[in-house]
C-alpha atoms as a PDB file:
ATOM      1  CA  UNK A   1       0.000   0.000   0.000  1.00  0.00           C
ATOM      2  CA  UNK A   2       1.366   3.397  -0.991  1.00  0.00           C
ATOM      3  CA  UNK A   3       0.621   6.009   1.666  1.00  0.00           C
ATOM      4  CA  UNK A   4       1.365   9.733   1.674  1.00  0.00           C
ATOM      5  CA  UNK A   5       1.278  11.989   4.709  1.00  0.00           C
ATOM      6  CA  UNK A   6       1.400  15.773   4.407  1.00  0.00           C
ATOM      7  CA  UNK A   7       3.210  17.623   7.165  1.00  0.00           C
ATOM      8  CA  UNK A   8       3.771  21.298   7.874  1.00  0.00           C
ATOM      9  CA  UNK A   9       6.423  23.135   9.852  1.00  0.00           C
ATOM     10  CA  UNK A  10       4.912  25.699  12.229  1.00  0.00           C
ATOM     11  CA  UNK A  11       6.258  28.040  14.934  1.00  0.00           C
ATOM     12  CA  UNK A  12       6.691  26.320  18.287  1.00  0.00           C
ATOM     13  CA  UNK A  13       3.823  26.883  20.689  1.00  0.00           C
ATOM     14  CA  UNK A  14       6.174  28.110  23.426  1.00  0.00           C
ATOM     15  CA  UNK A  15       7.575  30.910  21.221  1.00  0.00           C
ATOM     16  CA  UNK A  16       6.327  34.421  21.876  1.00  0.00           C
ATOM     17  CA  UNK A  17       5.247  35.685  18.415  1.00  0.00           C
ATOM     18  CA  UNK A  18       6.950  38.746  16.952  1.00  0.00           C
ATOM     19  CA  UNK A  19       5.286  40.361  13.951  1.00  0.00           C
ATOM     20  CA  UNK A  20       6.958  41.592  10.798  1.00  0.00           C
ATOM     21  CA  UNK A  21       6.973  45.246   9.797  1.00  0.00           C
ATOM     22  CA  UNK A  22       3.752  45.010   7.783  1.00  0.00           C
ATOM     23  CA  UNK A  23       1.927  43.172  10.620  1.00  0.00           C
ATOM     24  CA  UNK A  24       0.816  40.456   8.194  1.00  0.00           C
ATOM     25  CA  UNK A  25       2.982  37.546   9.417  1.00  0.00           C
ATOM     26  CA  UNK A  26       5.576  36.674  12.014  1.00  0.00           C
ATOM     27  CA  UNK A  27       9.279  37.563  11.945  1.00  0.00           C
ATOM     28  CA  UNK A  28      10.494  34.161  10.816  1.00  0.00           C
ATOM     29  CA  UNK A  29      14.141  34.958  11.489  1.00  0.00           C
ATOM     30  CA  UNK A  30      13.284  35.230  15.196  1.00  0.00           C
ATOM     31  CA  UNK A  31      11.108  32.115  15.373  1.00  0.00           C
ATOM     32  CA  UNK A  32      11.772  28.512  16.312  1.00  0.00           C
ATOM     33  CA  UNK A  33       9.853  25.803  14.470  1.00  0.00           C
ATOM     34  CA  UNK A  34       8.432  22.313  14.997  1.00  0.00           C
ATOM     35  CA  UNK A  35       6.208  19.746  13.281  1.00  0.00           C
ATOM     36  CA  UNK A  36       2.530  20.682  13.239  1.00  0.00           C
ATOM     37  CA  UNK A  37       0.902  18.584  15.979  1.00  0.00           C
ATOM     38  CA  UNK A  38      -2.154  17.337  14.005  1.00  0.00           C
ATOM     39  CA  UNK A  39       0.230  16.298  11.207  1.00  0.00           C
ATOM     40  CA  UNK A  40       2.264  14.291  13.723  1.00  0.00           C
ATOM     41  CA  UNK A  41      -0.872  12.235  14.451  1.00  0.00           C
ATOM     42  CA  UNK A  42      -1.435  11.766  10.699  1.00  0.00           C
ATOM     43  CA  UNK A  43       2.166  10.555  10.375  1.00  0.00           C
ATOM     44  CA  UNK A  44       1.719   8.103  13.229  1.00  0.00           C
ATOM     45  CA  UNK A  45      -1.500   6.750  11.716  1.00  0.00           C
ATOM     46  CA  UNK A  46       0.207   6.241   8.345  1.00  0.00           C
ATOM     47  CA  UNK A  47       3.039   4.316  10.028  1.00  0.00           C
ATOM     48  CA  UNK A  48       0.535   2.082  11.833  1.00  0.00           C
ATOM     49  CA  UNK A  49      -1.330   1.394   8.588  1.00  0.00           C
ATOM     50  CA  UNK A  50       1.966   0.435   6.958  1.00  0.00           C
ATOM     51  CA  UNK A  51       2.755  -1.938   9.847  1.00  0.00           C
ATOM     52  CA  UNK A  52      -0.627  -3.643   9.423  1.00  0.00           C
ATOM     53  CA  UNK A  53      -0.883  -3.708   5.632  1.00  0.00           C
ATOM     54  CA  UNK A  54       2.649  -3.252   4.291  1.00  0.00           C
ATOM     55  CA  UNK A  55       3.824  -0.789   1.664  1.00  0.00           C
ATOM     56  CA  UNK A  56       5.602   2.544   2.085  1.00  0.00           C
ATOM     57  CA  UNK A  57       5.008   5.930   3.704  1.00  0.00           C
ATOM     58  CA  UNK A  58       6.017   9.039   1.760  1.00  0.00           C
ATOM     59  CA  UNK A  59       6.239  12.365   3.596  1.00  0.00           C
ATOM     60  CA  UNK A  60       5.129  15.390   1.549  1.00  0.00           C
ATOM     61  CA  UNK A  61       5.760  18.965   2.621  1.00  0.00           C
ATOM     62  CA  UNK A  62       5.753  22.426   1.032  1.00  0.00           C
ATOM     63  CA  UNK A  63       7.776  25.387   2.239  1.00  0.00           C
ATOM     64  CA  UNK A  64      11.211  26.993   2.355  1.00  0.00           C
ATOM     65  CA  UNK A  65      14.498  25.178   2.952  1.00  0.00           C
ATOM     66  CA  UNK A  66      13.999  25.155   6.735  1.00  0.00           C
ATOM     67  CA  UNK A  67      11.153  22.625   6.278  1.00  0.00           C
ATOM     68  CA  UNK A  68      13.852  19.954   5.843  1.00  0.00           C
ATOM     69  CA  UNK A  69      14.056  19.882   9.656  1.00  0.00           C
ATOM     70  CA  UNK A  70      10.588  18.346  10.114  1.00  0.00           C
ATOM     71  CA  UNK A  71      10.949  16.220   6.982  1.00  0.00           C
ATOM     72  CA  UNK A  72      14.038  14.579   8.501  1.00  0.00           C
ATOM     73  CA  UNK A  73      12.184  14.153  11.773  1.00  0.00           C
ATOM     74  CA  UNK A  74       9.364  12.336   9.985  1.00  0.00           C
ATOM     75  CA  UNK A  75      11.882  10.079   8.242  1.00  0.00           C
ATOM     76  CA  UNK A  76      13.516   9.355  11.590  1.00  0.00           C
ATOM     77  CA  UNK A  77      10.158   8.283  13.016  1.00  0.00           C
ATOM     78  CA  UNK A  78       9.759   5.689  10.266  1.00  0.00           C
ATOM     79  CA  UNK A  79       8.675   7.211   6.949  1.00  0.00           C
ATOM     80  CA  UNK A  80      10.443   5.723   3.928  1.00  0.00           C
ATOM     81  CA  UNK A  81      11.130   8.755   1.738  1.00  0.00           C
ATOM     82  CA  UNK A  82      10.018  12.343   1.247  1.00  0.00           C
ATOM     83  CA  UNK A  83       8.932  14.941  -1.295  1.00  0.00           C
ATOM     84  CA  UNK A  84       9.775  18.552  -0.462  1.00  0.00           C
ATOM     85  CA  UNK A  85       8.185  21.254  -2.600  1.00  0.00           C
ATOM     86  CA  UNK A  86      10.725  23.951  -1.838  1.00  0.00           C
ATOM     87  CA  UNK A  87       9.987  27.663  -2.229  1.00  0.00           C
ATOM     88  CA  UNK A  88      10.275  30.686   0.063  1.00  0.00           C
ATOM     89  CA  UNK A  89       6.951  31.883  -1.361  1.00  0.00           C
ATOM     90  CA  UNK A  90       5.192  28.966   0.381  1.00  0.00           C
ATOM     91  CA  UNK A  91       6.229  30.050   3.896  1.00  0.00           C
ATOM     92  CA  UNK A  92       3.005  31.913   4.668  1.00  0.00           C
ATOM     93  CA  UNK A  93       0.912  30.827   1.691  1.00  0.00           C
ATOM     94  CA  UNK A  94      -2.801  30.082   1.993  1.00  0.00           C
ATOM     95  CA  UNK A  95      -4.361  26.618   1.735  1.00  0.00           C
ATOM     96  CA  UNK A  96      -5.119  26.922  -1.990  1.00  0.00           C
ATOM     97  CA  UNK A  97      -1.543  27.797  -2.944  1.00  0.00           C
ATOM     98  CA  UNK A  98      -0.083  25.062  -0.724  1.00  0.00           C
ATOM     99  CA  UNK A  99      -2.578  22.440  -1.952  1.00  0.00           C
ATOM    100  CA  UNK A 100      -1.819  23.289  -5.590  1.00  0.00           C
ATOM    101  CA  UNK A 101       1.931  22.979  -4.960  1.00  0.00           C
ATOM    102  CA  UNK A 102       1.509  19.622  -3.195  1.00  0.00           C
ATOM    103  CA  UNK A 103      -0.913  18.262  -5.789  1.00  0.00           C
ATOM    104  CA  UNK A 104       1.480  18.999  -8.654  1.00  0.00           C
ATOM    105  CA  UNK A 105       4.291  17.125  -6.913  1.00  0.00           C
ATOM    106  CA  UNK A 106       2.134  14.204  -5.728  1.00  0.00           C
ATOM    107  CA  UNK A 107      -0.098  13.544  -8.732  1.00  0.00           C
ATOM    108  CA  UNK A 108       2.224  11.169 -10.621  1.00  0.00           C
ATOM    109  CA  UNK A 109       2.899   9.092  -7.487  1.00  0.00           C
ATOM    110  CA  UNK A 110      -0.600   7.550  -7.583  1.00  0.00           C
ATOM    111  CA  UNK A 111      -0.963   7.175  -3.824  1.00  0.00           C
ATOM    112  CA  UNK A 112      -3.540   4.735  -2.445  1.00  0.00           C
ATOM    113  CA  UNK A 113      -4.225   6.873   0.630  1.00  0.00           C
ATOM    114  CA  UNK A 114      -3.236  10.426   1.606  1.00  0.00           C
ATOM    115  CA  UNK A 115      -3.396  11.611   5.206  1.00  0.00           C
ATOM    116  CA  UNK A 116      -3.123  15.173   6.472  1.00  0.00           C
ATOM    117  CA  UNK A 117      -3.596  16.752   9.866  1.00  0.00           C
ATOM    118  CA  UNK A 118      -7.014  18.271  10.500  1.00  0.00           C
ATOM    119  CA  UNK A 119      -5.591  21.796  10.616  1.00  0.00           C
ATOM    120  CA  UNK A 120      -2.365  23.701  11.227  1.00  0.00           C
ATOM    121  CA  UNK A 121      -1.344  25.192  14.548  1.00  0.00           C
ATOM    122  CA  UNK A 122      -0.419  28.535  12.971  1.00  0.00           C
ATOM    123  CA  UNK A 123      -3.265  29.403  10.568  1.00  0.00           C
ATOM    124  CA  UNK A 124      -5.815  26.799  11.649  1.00  0.00           C
ATOM    125  CA  UNK A 125      -8.140  27.020   8.640  1.00  0.00           C
ATOM    126  CA  UNK A 126      -8.548  23.248   8.208  1.00  0.00           C
ATOM    127  CA  UNK A 127      -8.672  23.598   4.409  1.00  0.00           C
ATOM    128  CA  UNK A 128      -5.460  22.204   2.906  1.00  0.00           C
ATOM    129  CA  UNK A 129      -6.417  18.521   3.016  1.00  0.00           C
ATOM    130  CA  UNK A 130      -9.851  19.169   1.509  1.00  0.00           C
ATOM    131  CA  UNK A 131      -8.524  21.410  -1.279  1.00  0.00           C
ATOM    132  CA  UNK A 132      -5.760  18.872  -1.997  1.00  0.00           C
ATOM    133  CA  UNK A 133      -8.379  16.146  -2.448  1.00  0.00           C
ATOM    134  CA  UNK A 134     -10.292  18.322  -4.902  1.00  0.00           C
ATOM    135  CA  UNK A 135      -7.126  19.131  -6.860  1.00  0.00           C
ATOM    136  CA  UNK A 136      -6.333  15.412  -7.144  1.00  0.00           C
ATOM    137  CA  UNK A 137      -9.930  14.465  -7.918  1.00  0.00           C
ATOM    138  CA  UNK A 138     -10.160  12.103  -4.912  1.00  0.00           C
ATOM    139  CA  UNK A 139     -12.911  11.485  -2.353  1.00  0.00           C
ATOM    140  CA  UNK A 140     -12.178  12.822   1.120  1.00  0.00           C
ATOM    141  CA  UNK A 141     -13.412  12.760   4.698  1.00  0.00           C
ATOM    142  CA  UNK A 142     -12.516  15.028   7.615  1.00  0.00           C
ATOM    143  CA  UNK A 143     -12.014  14.854  11.397  1.00  0.00           C
ATOM    144  CA  UNK A 144     -11.102  11.165  11.316  1.00  0.00           C
ATOM    145  CA  UNK A 145     -10.754   9.257  14.603  1.00  0.00           C
ATOM    146  CA  UNK A 146     -10.274   5.698  13.267  1.00  0.00           C
ATOM    147  CA  UNK A 147      -9.153   4.190   9.969  1.00  0.00           C
ATOM    148  CA  UNK A 148      -9.866   0.615   8.891  1.00  0.00           C
ATOM    149  CA  UNK A 149      -8.829  -0.785   5.507  1.00  0.00           C
ATOM    150  CA  UNK A 150     -11.029  -3.653   4.367  1.00  0.00           C
ATOM    151  CA  UNK A 151     -12.310  -5.195   1.121  1.00  0.00           C
ATOM    152  CA  UNK A 152     -10.235  -2.838  -0.996  1.00  0.00           C
ATOM    153  CA  UNK A 153     -11.797   0.235   0.582  1.00  0.00           C
ATOM    154  CA  UNK A 154     -11.959   2.233   3.800  1.00  0.00           C
ATOM    155  CA  UNK A 155     -14.159   2.351   6.857  1.00  0.00           C
ATOM    156  CA  UNK A 156     -13.526   5.533   8.834  1.00  0.00           C
ATOM    157  CA  UNK A 157     -14.899   7.091  12.002  1.00  0.00           C
ATOM    158  CA  UNK A 158     -15.645  10.828  11.891  1.00  0.00           C
ATOM    159  CA  UNK A 159     -16.034  13.062  14.920  1.00  0.00           C
ATOM    160  CA  UNK A 160     -19.194  15.160  14.788  1.00  0.00           C
ATOM    161  CA  UNK A 161     -20.510  17.838  17.129  1.00  0.00           C
ATOM    162  CA  UNK A 162     -22.061  17.225  20.531  1.00  0.00           C
ATOM    163  CA  UNK A 163     -20.106  14.041  21.250  1.00  0.00           C
ATOM    164  CA  UNK A 164     -21.497  12.166  18.237  1.00  0.00           C
ATOM    165  CA  UNK A 165     -19.505  10.038  15.776  1.00  0.00           C
ATOM    166  CA  UNK A 166     -20.193   8.747  12.278  1.00  0.00           C
ATOM    167  CA  UNK A 167     -18.886   5.600  10.555  1.00  0.00           C
ATOM    168  CA  UNK A 168     -18.726   5.805   6.765  1.00  0.00           C
ATOM    169  CA  UNK A 169     -17.399   3.620   3.956  1.00  0.00           C
ATOM    170  CA  UNK A 170     -15.116   5.058   1.269  1.00  0.00           C
ATOM    171  CA  UNK A 171     -13.339   3.809  -1.848  1.00  0.00           C
ATOM    172  CA  UNK A 172      -9.603   3.966  -2.413  1.00  0.00           C
ATOM    173  CA  UNK A 173      -7.701   6.070  -3.293  1.00  0.00           C
ATOM    174  CA  UNK A 174      -8.845   8.791  -0.894  1.00  0.00           C
ATOM    175  CA  UNK A 175      -7.727  11.707   1.286  1.00  0.00           C
ATOM    176  CA  UNK A 176      -8.362  11.852   5.048  1.00  0.00           C
ATOM    177  CA  UNK A 177      -7.762  14.680   7.520  1.00  0.00           C
ATOM    178  CA  UNK A 178      -6.787  13.234  10.897  1.00  0.00           C
ATOM    179  CA  UNK A 179      -7.956  14.503  14.284  1.00  0.00           C
ATOM    180  CA  UNK A 180      -5.390  14.937  17.056  1.00  0.00           C
ATOM    181  CA  UNK A 181      -5.557  12.198  19.665  1.00  0.00           C
ATOM    182  CA  UNK A 182      -6.385   9.398  17.225  1.00  0.00           C
ATOM    183  CA  UNK A 183      -3.332   7.473  18.467  1.00  0.00           C
ATOM    184  CA  UNK A 184      -0.290   7.590  20.733  1.00  0.00           C
ATOM    185  CA  UNK A 185       2.662   9.326  19.094  1.00  0.00           C
ATOM    186  CA  UNK A 186       6.010   7.598  18.757  1.00  0.00           C
ATOM    187  CA  UNK A 187       9.326   9.403  18.852  1.00  0.00           C
ATOM    188  CA  UNK A 188      12.452   8.985  16.816  1.00  0.00           C
ATOM    189  CA  UNK A 189      15.013   6.482  18.064  1.00  0.00           C
ATOM    190  CA  UNK A 190      18.767   6.878  17.639  1.00  0.00           C
ATOM    191  CA  UNK A 191      18.621   4.106  15.035  1.00  0.00           C
ATOM    192  CA  UNK A 192      15.858   5.954  13.215  1.00  0.00           C
ATOM    193  CA  UNK A 193      17.769   9.241  13.273  1.00  0.00           C
ATOM    194  CA  UNK A 194      20.839   7.577  11.749  1.00  0.00           C
ATOM    195  CA  UNK A 195      18.745   5.793   9.114  1.00  0.00           C
ATOM    196  CA  UNK A 196      16.987   9.041   8.140  1.00  0.00           C
ATOM    197  CA  UNK A 197      20.279  10.486   6.873  1.00  0.00           C
ATOM    198  CA  UNK A 198      20.299   7.928   4.048  1.00  0.00           C
ATOM    199  CA  UNK A 199      16.660   8.197   3.035  1.00  0.00           C
ATOM    200  CA  UNK A 200      15.649   9.972  -0.159  1.00  0.00           C
ATOM    201  CA  UNK A 201      14.253  13.510  -0.121  1.00  0.00           C
ATOM    202  CA  UNK A 202      13.069  14.512  -3.588  1.00  0.00           C
ATOM    203  CA  UNK A 203      13.126  18.292  -3.834  1.00  0.00           C
ATOM    204  CA  UNK A 204      10.693  19.837  -6.284  1.00  0.00           C
ATOM    205  CA  UNK A 205      10.628  23.420  -7.509  1.00  0.00           C
ATOM    206  CA  UNK A 206       6.993  24.488  -7.851  1.00  0.00           C
ATOM    207  CA  UNK A 207       5.676  25.943 -11.065  1.00  0.00           C
ATOM    208  CA  UNK A 208       4.250  29.450 -11.115  1.00  0.00           C
ATOM    209  CA  UNK A 209       2.166  29.506  -7.939  1.00  0.00           C
ATOM    210  CA  UNK A 210      -1.599  29.712  -8.147  1.00  0.00           C
ATOM    211  CA  UNK A 211      -3.044  33.076  -7.102  1.00  0.00           C
ATOM    212  CA  UNK A 212      -3.817  33.354  -3.409  1.00  0.00           C
ATOM    213  CA  UNK A 213      -7.509  33.139  -2.476  1.00  0.00           C
ATOM    214  CA  UNK A 214      -7.028  34.517   1.023  1.00  0.00           C
ATOM    215  CA  UNK A 215      -5.089  37.441   2.421  1.00  0.00           C
ATOM    216  CA  UNK A 216      -4.105  38.261   5.989  1.00  0.00           C
ATOM    217  CA  UNK A 217      -5.046  41.893   6.446  1.00  0.00           C
ATOM    218  CA  UNK A 218      -3.498  42.380   9.873  1.00  0.00           C
ATOM    219  CA  UNK A 219      -2.138  40.392  12.792  1.00  0.00           C
ATOM    220  CA  UNK A 220      -1.968  41.698  16.332  1.00  0.00           C
ATOM    221  CA  UNK A 221      -1.256  40.367  19.782  1.00  0.00           C
ATOM    222  CA  UNK A 222      -4.175  40.133  22.227  1.00  0.00           C
ATOM    223  CA  UNK A 223      -4.698  43.505  23.848  1.00  0.00           C
ATOM    224  CA  UNK A 224      -4.852  43.539  27.624  1.00  0.00           C
ATOM    225  CA  UNK A 225      -7.104  45.952  29.433  1.00  0.00           C
ATOM    226  CA  UNK A 226      -9.387  46.311  32.404  1.00  0.00           C
ATOM    227  CA  UNK A 227     -12.603  48.153  33.043  1.00  0.00           C
ATOM    228  CA  UNK A 228     -14.054  49.058  36.432  1.00  0.00           C
ATOM    229  CA  UNK A 229     -17.842  49.143  36.647  1.00  0.00           C
ATOM    230  CA  UNK A 230     -19.768  50.396  39.665  1.00  0.00           C
ATOM    231  CA  UNK A 231     -23.172  48.816  40.260  1.00  0.00           C
ATOM    232  CA  UNK A 232     -25.592  51.095  42.072  1.00  0.00           C
ATOM    233  CA  UNK A 233     -28.857  50.489  43.921  1.00  0.00           C
ATOM    234  CA  UNK A 234     -29.682  48.522  47.024  1.00  0.00           C
ATOM    235  CA  UNK A 235     -27.753  45.419  48.028  1.00  0.00           C
ATOM    236  CA  UNK A 236     -30.440  43.157  46.564  1.00  0.00           C
ATOM    237  CA  UNK A 237     -30.650  45.075  43.297  1.00  0.00           C
ATOM    238  CA  UNK A 238     -26.857  45.205  42.993  1.00  0.00           C
ATOM    239  CA  UNK A 239     -26.604  41.458  43.612  1.00  0.00           C
ATOM    240  CA  UNK A 240     -29.195  40.685  40.907  1.00  0.00           C
ATOM    241  CA  UNK A 241     -27.439  42.973  38.431  1.00  0.00           C
ATOM    242  CA  UNK A 242     -24.052  41.422  39.251  1.00  0.00           C
ATOM    243  CA  UNK A 243     -25.414  37.931  38.578  1.00  0.00           C
ATOM    244  CA  UNK A 244     -26.883  39.110  35.275  1.00  0.00           C
ATOM    245  CA  UNK A 245     -23.589  40.654  34.181  1.00  0.00           C
ATOM    246  CA  UNK A 246     -21.601  37.550  35.120  1.00  0.00           C
ATOM    247  CA  UNK A 247     -24.047  35.340  33.248  1.00  0.00           C
ATOM    248  CA  UNK A 248     -24.914  37.382  30.140  1.00  0.00           C
ATOM    249  CA  UNK A 249     -21.833  39.503  29.523  1.00  0.00           C
ATOM    250  CA  UNK A 250     -18.850  37.879  31.209  1.00  0.00           C
ATOM    251  CA  UNK A 251     -20.341  34.401  30.654  1.00  0.00           C
ATOM    252  CA  UNK A 252     -18.525  32.945  33.641  1.00  0.00           C
ATOM    253  CA  UNK A 253     -21.654  31.394  35.167  1.00  0.00           C
ATOM    254  CA  UNK A 254     -24.664  29.578  33.681  1.00  0.00           C
END
């Protein structure tokens, strides 16, 4: 079985963001980076599927040269080879541009199953996997909590709202976006780290990028402030008004 898993490099969650001069993205030269957490769960699920059904796992990523860090990490965890669509223009690109770049590099591989994380920790739109499926002309399902391969197809469990779940059948090939927590993550061993140095990374230069469909108008850090409000009236009236404010405006009580 030929599996692909798409991973993204994102700023570490512990890093205090610093914005660029135009306030439209972060100052990347000041940032530290890591593998996107939902993508790490997609990688783990692809490795487990390979262990059960055989085949290979191919890591696919789009971004500048620094993305090689998480690509090597994925190879060290057990992926067999990688495709890196390398371009500085993809560093802060929207889901449509990234999906187009990935689709162009992945199309000729004819993957049986493509996994992505549900969303990225930096932009969080949850669109790349879905747009990628459309670009490749493949069926897709989102928010996946379980994957079973049977009778030449898929049976997957989707997480819905309100604590509900949905089991659906799908044909192969297909694209799935994986929910965090679907499995227990593994970490790279010393043996895996050494082996990763010899594994293939095919670097692809993207064609003229598709026009962006989304634009970040402005980023800003959360603004801190406080407001003092005096509640008048008798003690009983003040107490009733305080309860109303806490329930309806502050929403700290039911």
